Amino acid sequence: MKAVYDRDTDTLTLVLCEVPIAESDELKEGVIVDYDDKGHVVSVELLDASRHATDPARIAYEVKPAIAG
């Protein structure tokens, strides 16, 4: 998984897996979800990212501990 911010287009993309995109849907204005040929989500794209995120070029990554059960 990786996050990519393109300053030229002000686009933030979260790539979940590197597979060919078969279909894309704009869920809401500026929020695009890409799917593979089996219908699995492979990436999420946020247009005009600087309007939605404080600093789209900066990312924090956190892994929460598993809940024992």
Protein backbone atom coordinates (compact mmCIF):
# COMPACT_ATOMS: atom_id res chain seq x y z
CA MET A 1 0.00 0.00 0.00
CA LYS A 2 1.22 3.51 -0.70
CA ALA A 3 0.03 7.10 -0.64
CA VAL A 4 0.94 9.42 -3.51
CA TYR A 5 0.47 13.19 -3.51
CA ASP A 6 0.85 14.96 -6.87
CA ARG A 7 1.48 18.68 -6.27
CA ASP A 8 0.86 19.56 -9.92
CA THR A 9 -2.68 18.18 -9.94
CA ASP A 10 -3.31 18.54 -6.16
CA THR A 11 -4.37 14.90 -6.08
CA LEU A 12 -3.91 12.47 -3.19
CA THR A 13 -4.11 8.78 -4.08
CA LEU A 14 -4.12 5.85 -1.69
CA VAL A 15 -3.04 2.78 -3.66
CA LEU A 16 -4.11 -0.42 -1.91
CA CYS A 17 -2.64 -2.83 -4.46
CA GLU A 18 -0.79 -2.50 -7.75
CA VAL A 19 -3.16 -4.15 -10.22
CA PRO A 20 -4.81 -2.86 -13.40
CA ILE A 21 -7.86 -0.66 -12.88
CA ALA A 22 -10.96 -2.03 -14.61
CA GLU A 23 -13.52 0.54 -13.46
CA SER A 24 -13.72 3.85 -11.60
CA ASP A 25 -16.63 5.48 -9.77
CA GLU A 26 -16.88 9.03 -8.45
CA LEU A 27 -18.64 8.44 -5.12
CA LYS A 28 -18.96 12.13 -4.35
CA GLU A 29 -17.55 15.14 -6.16
CA GLY A 30 -13.76 14.75 -6.11
CA VAL A 31 -13.68 11.29 -4.48
CA ILE A 32 -12.88 8.53 -6.96
CA VAL A 33 -12.68 4.82 -6.16
CA ASP A 34 -10.95 2.45 -8.58
CA TYR A 35 -11.76 -1.26 -8.86
CA ASP A 36 -10.04 -4.28 -10.39
CA ASP A 37 -11.76 -6.70 -12.77
CA LYS A 38 -13.24 -8.62 -9.80
CA GLY A 39 -14.78 -5.51 -8.23
CA HIS A 40 -12.23 -5.15 -5.43
CA VAL A 41 -11.20 -1.61 -4.42
CA VAL A 42 -7.61 -1.01 -5.53
CA SER A 43 -7.23 2.74 -4.95
CA VAL A 44 -8.98 5.86 -3.69
CA GLU A 45 -8.26 9.27 -5.19
CA LEU A 46 -9.02 12.65 -3.64
CA LEU A 47 -9.08 15.60 -6.05
CA ASP A 48 -8.26 19.12 -4.77
CA ALA A 49 -6.56 17.44 -1.82
CA SER A 50 -5.20 20.65 -0.32
CA ARG A 51 -8.78 21.84 0.23
CA HIS A 52 -9.54 18.75 2.33
CA ALA A 53 -6.28 17.93 4.11
CA THR A 54 -4.16 20.25 6.24
CA ASP A 55 -0.97 19.13 4.47
CA PRO A 56 -1.54 16.45 1.83
CA ALA A 57 2.21 16.13 1.25
CA ARG A 58 2.68 14.88 4.81
CA ILE A 59 1.39 11.55 6.07
CA ALA A 60 1.35 9.74 9.39
CA TYR A 61 0.99 5.97 9.45
CA GLU A 62 -0.29 4.11 12.49
CA VAL A 63 -0.80 0.42 13.12
CA LYS A 64 -3.13 -0.23 16.04
CA PRO A 65 -2.51 -3.34 18.13
CA ALA A 66 -4.80 -6.29 17.55
CA ILE A 67 -7.54 -6.79 20.11
CA ALA A 68 -7.01 -10.05 21.95
CA GLY A 69 -10.13 -12.05 22.07
